[in-house]
Protein backbone atom coordinates (compact mmCIF):
# COMPACT_ATOMS: atom_id res chain seq x y z
CA MET A 1 5.29 56.40 -7.40
CA ILE A 2 5.40 59.88 -9.70
CA THR A 3 2.91 62.48 -8.10
CA ASN A 4 2.23 65.98 -7.84
CA ASP A 5 -0.85 68.15 -7.54
CA CYS A 6 -1.77 67.63 -11.14
CA ILE A 7 -1.45 63.74 -11.11
CA GLU A 8 -3.54 64.13 -7.70
CA ALA A 9 -6.33 66.23 -9.39
CA ALA A 10 -6.54 63.68 -12.15
CA ARG A 11 -7.16 61.00 -9.76
CA ALA A 12 -9.42 62.37 -7.79
CA GLU A 13 -11.50 63.44 -10.56
CA LEU A 14 -11.38 59.84 -12.29
CA ARG A 15 -12.03 58.16 -8.95
CA SER A 16 -15.27 60.18 -8.08
CA VAL A 17 -16.46 57.97 -11.03
CA ASN A 18 -14.99 54.44 -9.30
CA ILE A 19 -11.93 54.74 -12.32
CA ASP A 20 -8.44 54.10 -10.47
CA PRO A 21 -5.85 54.73 -12.81
CA SER A 22 -1.76 54.35 -14.31
CA VAL A 23 0.04 56.54 -14.27
CA ARG A 24 3.71 56.37 -16.43
CA PRO A 25 6.44 58.66 -16.58
CA GLY A 26 7.84 60.26 -20.00
CA GLY A 27 9.89 63.19 -20.51
CA LYS A 28 7.73 66.42 -19.18
CA HIS A 29 4.75 64.49 -18.63
CA ALA A 30 3.11 61.67 -17.10
CA ALA A 31 0.46 59.89 -18.63
CA ILE A 32 -2.86 58.69 -16.82
CA VAL A 33 -4.39 56.12 -18.27
CA TRP A 34 -7.39 54.40 -17.41
CA LEU A 35 -9.58 51.62 -20.00
CA HIS A 36 -13.61 53.05 -20.86
CA GLY A 37 -15.66 50.65 -22.77
CA GLY A 38 -12.76 48.80 -23.77
CA LYS A 39 -10.78 51.38 -25.12
CA GLU A 40 -7.58 52.86 -23.43
CA ARG A 41 -8.03 56.81 -22.05
CA THR A 42 -4.70 58.72 -21.96
CA TYR A 43 -4.24 62.34 -20.54
CA TYR A 44 -1.18 64.19 -20.02
CA ALA A 45 -0.21 66.01 -17.14
CA PRO A 46 2.95 67.94 -16.46
CA LEU A 47 5.45 66.58 -13.88
CA THR A 48 6.67 69.83 -13.29
CA PRO A 49 3.14 72.07 -13.19
CA SER A 50 4.16 75.68 -14.34
CA ASP A 51 1.40 77.82 -11.98
CA TRP A 52 -0.65 77.09 -8.95
CA ARG A 53 -3.71 77.12 -11.60
CA ALA A 54 -2.58 74.07 -13.44
CA SER A 55 -4.42 71.70 -11.01
CA LYS A 56 -7.77 72.96 -11.33
CA ASN A 57 -6.79 73.37 -15.39
CA THR A 58 -6.41 69.50 -15.21
CA ARG A 59 -9.79 68.65 -13.31
CA THR A 60 -11.86 70.73 -15.50
CA ASP A 61 -9.80 68.79 -18.61
CA ILE A 62 -10.45 65.50 -16.94
CA ARG A 63 -14.24 66.41 -16.58
CA LYS A 64 -14.02 66.83 -20.13
CA ILE A 65 -13.55 63.61 -21.10
CA LEU A 66 -15.50 61.95 -18.61
CA ARG A 67 -18.51 64.15 -19.32
CA ASN A 68 -17.65 62.99 -23.23
CA ASP A 69 -17.68 59.78 -22.62
CA GLY A 70 -20.94 60.39 -20.62
CA LEU A 71 -19.74 59.16 -17.55
CA ILE A 72 -20.83 62.56 -15.48
CA GLY A 73 -23.49 65.06 -16.93
CA ASP A 74 -23.73 68.84 -18.13
CA ASP A 75 -25.42 69.57 -14.37
CA VAL A 76 -22.19 68.66 -12.58
CA PRO A 77 -20.79 71.66 -10.68
CA ASN A 78 -17.60 73.42 -12.03
CA ALA A 79 -15.63 74.27 -9.36
CA ASP A 80 -13.27 76.66 -11.86
CA VAL A 81 -15.88 79.19 -12.87
CA ALA A 82 -13.30 81.72 -12.60
CA PRO A 83 -10.74 82.75 -15.50
CA ARG A 84 -7.22 81.09 -15.47
CA LEU A 85 -4.65 83.34 -14.89
CA PHE A 86 -0.76 82.51 -14.68
CA LEU A 87 1.68 84.86 -13.85
CA HIS A 88 4.88 84.45 -16.68
CA GLY A 89 7.65 86.88 -17.45
CA GLY A 90 6.50 89.96 -14.42
CA ALA A 91 2.97 90.05 -16.07
CA PHE A 92 -0.56 87.58 -16.02
CA HIS A 93 -1.23 86.13 -18.67
CA CYS A 94 -4.90 83.69 -19.50
CA ASP A 95 -4.77 80.77 -22.34
CA SER A 96 -6.59 81.15 -25.68
CA ARG A 97 -7.76 77.14 -25.33
CA ASP A 98 -10.09 78.95 -22.00
CA ILE A 99 -10.89 82.17 -24.18
CA ALA A 100 -12.29 79.54 -26.86
CA ASN A 101 -14.36 77.83 -24.40
CA HIS A 102 -15.40 80.44 -22.34
CA PHE A 103 -16.95 82.33 -25.51
CA GLY A 104 -18.43 79.44 -26.88
CA LYS A 105 -15.43 79.55 -29.76
CA GLN A 106 -13.86 77.09 -31.96
CA HIS A 107 -10.25 77.14 -30.76
CA LYS A 108 -9.07 77.23 -34.55
CA ASN A 109 -11.10 80.72 -34.96
CA VAL A 110 -9.08 82.23 -31.79
CA LEU A 111 -6.28 81.14 -33.22
CA ARG A 112 -6.81 82.90 -36.10
CA ASP A 113 -8.07 85.98 -34.44
CA ILE A 114 -4.54 85.83 -32.82
CA ASP A 115 -2.44 85.15 -35.89
CA LYS A 116 -3.80 87.90 -37.31
CA ALA A 117 -3.62 90.44 -35.10
CA MET A 118 -0.06 89.22 -34.74
CA GLU A 119 0.31 89.91 -38.14
CA GLU A 120 -1.09 93.85 -37.90
CA LEU A 121 0.46 94.87 -34.49
CA GLY A 122 3.80 93.84 -35.33
CA ASP A 123 5.93 93.88 -32.01
CA PHE A 124 2.97 95.12 -29.80
CA GLY A 125 1.73 91.79 -31.04
CA ARG A 126 4.39 89.79 -29.81
CA LEU A 127 4.72 90.83 -26.53
CA ASN A 128 1.17 90.18 -25.36
CA PHE A 129 0.81 87.13 -27.31
CA GLU A 130 3.30 84.24 -26.79
CA PRO A 131 2.57 81.28 -28.41
CA SER A 132 2.53 77.75 -26.69
CA SER A 133 1.47 74.18 -26.64
CA TYR A 134 -0.11 71.60 -25.28
CA LEU A 135 -0.72 67.90 -25.28
CA ASN A 136 -3.97 66.56 -26.12
CA GLU A 137 -5.74 63.13 -24.85
CA GLN A 138 -3.65 61.02 -27.89
CA GLY A 139 -0.68 62.59 -26.88
CA LYS A 140 -0.21 65.24 -29.71
CA SER A 141 1.00 68.70 -29.58
CA HIS A 142 -1.08 71.30 -30.37
CA ARG A 143 -0.32 75.15 -30.54
CA CYS A 144 -2.04 77.73 -28.30
CA TYR A 145 -1.75 81.06 -26.88
CA HIS A 146 -0.76 82.98 -23.58
CA LEU A 147 -2.46 86.45 -23.75
CA THR A 148 -1.89 88.98 -21.96
CA ARG A 149 -4.79 91.65 -20.19
CA ASP A 150 -3.72 94.31 -23.21
CA GLY A 151 -3.64 90.91 -25.76
CA PHE A 152 -6.90 89.42 -23.97
CA THR A 153 -8.70 93.18 -24.55
CA ILE A 154 -7.82 93.31 -28.51
CA ILE A 155 -9.40 89.53 -28.77
CA ALA A 156 -12.25 90.07 -26.52
CA MET A 157 -13.48 93.38 -27.73
CA GLY A 158 -15.16 91.32 -30.81
CA PHE A 159 -16.98 89.25 -29.01
CA THR A 160 -20.59 89.64 -28.76
CA GLY A 161 -23.69 88.91 -26.37
CA SER A 162 -24.79 88.93 -23.02
CA ASP A 163 -22.35 85.68 -22.23
CA ALA A 164 -19.52 87.37 -24.05
CA MET A 165 -20.41 90.79 -21.90
CA GLU A 166 -20.34 88.37 -18.62
CA TRP A 167 -16.58 86.83 -19.13
CA LYS A 168 -15.48 89.99 -20.21
CA VAL A 169 -16.16 91.39 -17.13
CA LYS A 170 -15.05 88.28 -15.37
CA TYR A 171 -11.81 88.16 -17.25
CA MET A 172 -11.10 91.78 -16.00
CA THR A 173 -12.18 91.18 -12.78
CA ALA A 174 -9.76 88.41 -12.21
CA PHE A 175 -6.55 90.29 -14.13
CA ASN A 176 -7.48 93.60 -11.27
CA ALA A 177 -7.46 91.25 -8.76
CA MET A 178 -4.16 89.57 -9.42
CA GLU A 179 -2.91 92.57 -10.75
CA ALA A 180 -3.86 94.27 -7.15
CA GLU A 181 -2.61 91.06 -4.96
CA ILE A 182 1.36 91.45 -6.68
CA ARG A 183 1.10 95.23 -6.03
CA ASN A 184 0.25 94.40 -2.33
CA ILE A 185 3.54 92.19 -1.90
CA ALA A 186 5.45 94.58 -3.62
CA SER A 187 4.23 97.24 -1.25
CA VAL A 188 5.65 94.68 1.91
CA PRO A 189 9.06 96.26 3.05
CA GLN A 190 11.81 94.32 2.36
CA ILE A 191 15.61 94.20 3.49
CA ALA A 192 18.21 96.03 1.79
CA PRO A 193 20.35 93.27 -0.53
CA ASP A 194 23.29 94.34 1.27
CA VAL A 195 21.96 93.82 4.97
CA VAL A 196 20.92 90.40 4.16
CA ALA A 197 24.46 89.50 2.84
CA ARG A 198 26.23 91.27 6.03
CA ILE A 199 23.37 88.79 7.75
CA GLU A 200 24.88 85.80 6.05
CA ARG A 201 28.42 86.77 6.85
CA LEU A 202 28.18 86.92 10.28
CA GLU A 203 25.93 83.91 10.90
CA GLY A 204 28.60 82.09 8.72
CA ASP A 205 31.58 83.48 11.21
CA LEU A 206 29.26 82.85 14.02
CA ASN A 207 28.38 79.07 12.54
CA ALA A 208 32.67 79.11 12.51
CA LEU A 209 33.25 79.96 16.13
CA THR A 210 30.49 77.88 17.47
CA ASP A 211 32.21 74.76 15.72
CA LEU A 212 35.21 75.64 16.74
CA CYS A 213 34.50 75.70 20.61
CA LEU A 214 32.53 72.52 20.97
CA SER A 215 34.86 71.01 18.82
CA GLN A 216 37.39 68.77 21.03
CA PRO A 217 40.88 67.34 20.16
CA GLN A 218 40.74 63.70 19.66
CA PRO A 219 43.68 61.93 21.49
CA GLU A 220 45.96 59.03 19.94
CA PRO A 221 45.12 55.74 20.68
CA GLY A 222 46.68 55.10 24.09
CA PHE A 223 46.88 58.82 25.27
CA ILE A 224 44.60 60.60 27.09
CA ILE A 225 44.02 64.57 27.05
CA ILE A 226 44.48 66.35 30.57
CA LYS A 227 44.07 69.95 30.94
CA ALA A 228 46.65 72.77 31.14
CA HIS A 229 47.86 73.71 34.31
CA LYS A 230 48.24 77.56 34.95
CA ARG A 231 51.36 78.70 37.06
CA ARG A 232 52.74 82.24 37.41
CA VAL A 233 56.07 82.78 35.43
CA ARG A 234 59.27 83.10 37.03
CA GLY A 235 59.46 86.48 38.04
CA ALA A 236 56.33 88.24 36.73
CA ARG A 237 54.50 89.88 39.39
CA GLY A 238 50.79 89.67 40.42
């Protein structure tokens, strides 16, 4: 049976409303399929999740489908209240779809703002806005962007309102927390590469010596092995 954290997250959300979906493999994604009102619903989950937040993304996506189908209400608590960040290329990124959702924007308008920023910012824009894509419920590919902290700051600076300010603070807090965690990990003393190489060589030599000492010669059929006897060499002084 095909499974991973994303598939299990989708199954858990669907089973919470008494739906037992089927899973069909295909390419880099698995199609999670179920029926609602006599019509087939399909959600495409990655077979190889890109980061530790992928299962939470899946839960959020499935909840949106269930909410649109009237199977859960708007008052269902969303466990994923914090911005979803992921590490890529040595920097943390957020997703343009989440930005649109959190700030109450249409995704196409967020894409428009990013496209315009990339035209105006040149190399800086290409470094901070990474084109990506995702599959919708019908399996069609749509474009999105992954934004660094600087990319997010540029796009979000034009968003106004009390809710917008709240989400700006949440995103900056999330970026700060993730980057602090990476710094803490980097500060842990590491074994020098040359020392690691020497340890590996010693382990290999020790394993080979152990195998040599423990290995016993195998006698030919009809013969047995007798231990060698020790005797003094003629003329030797003891």
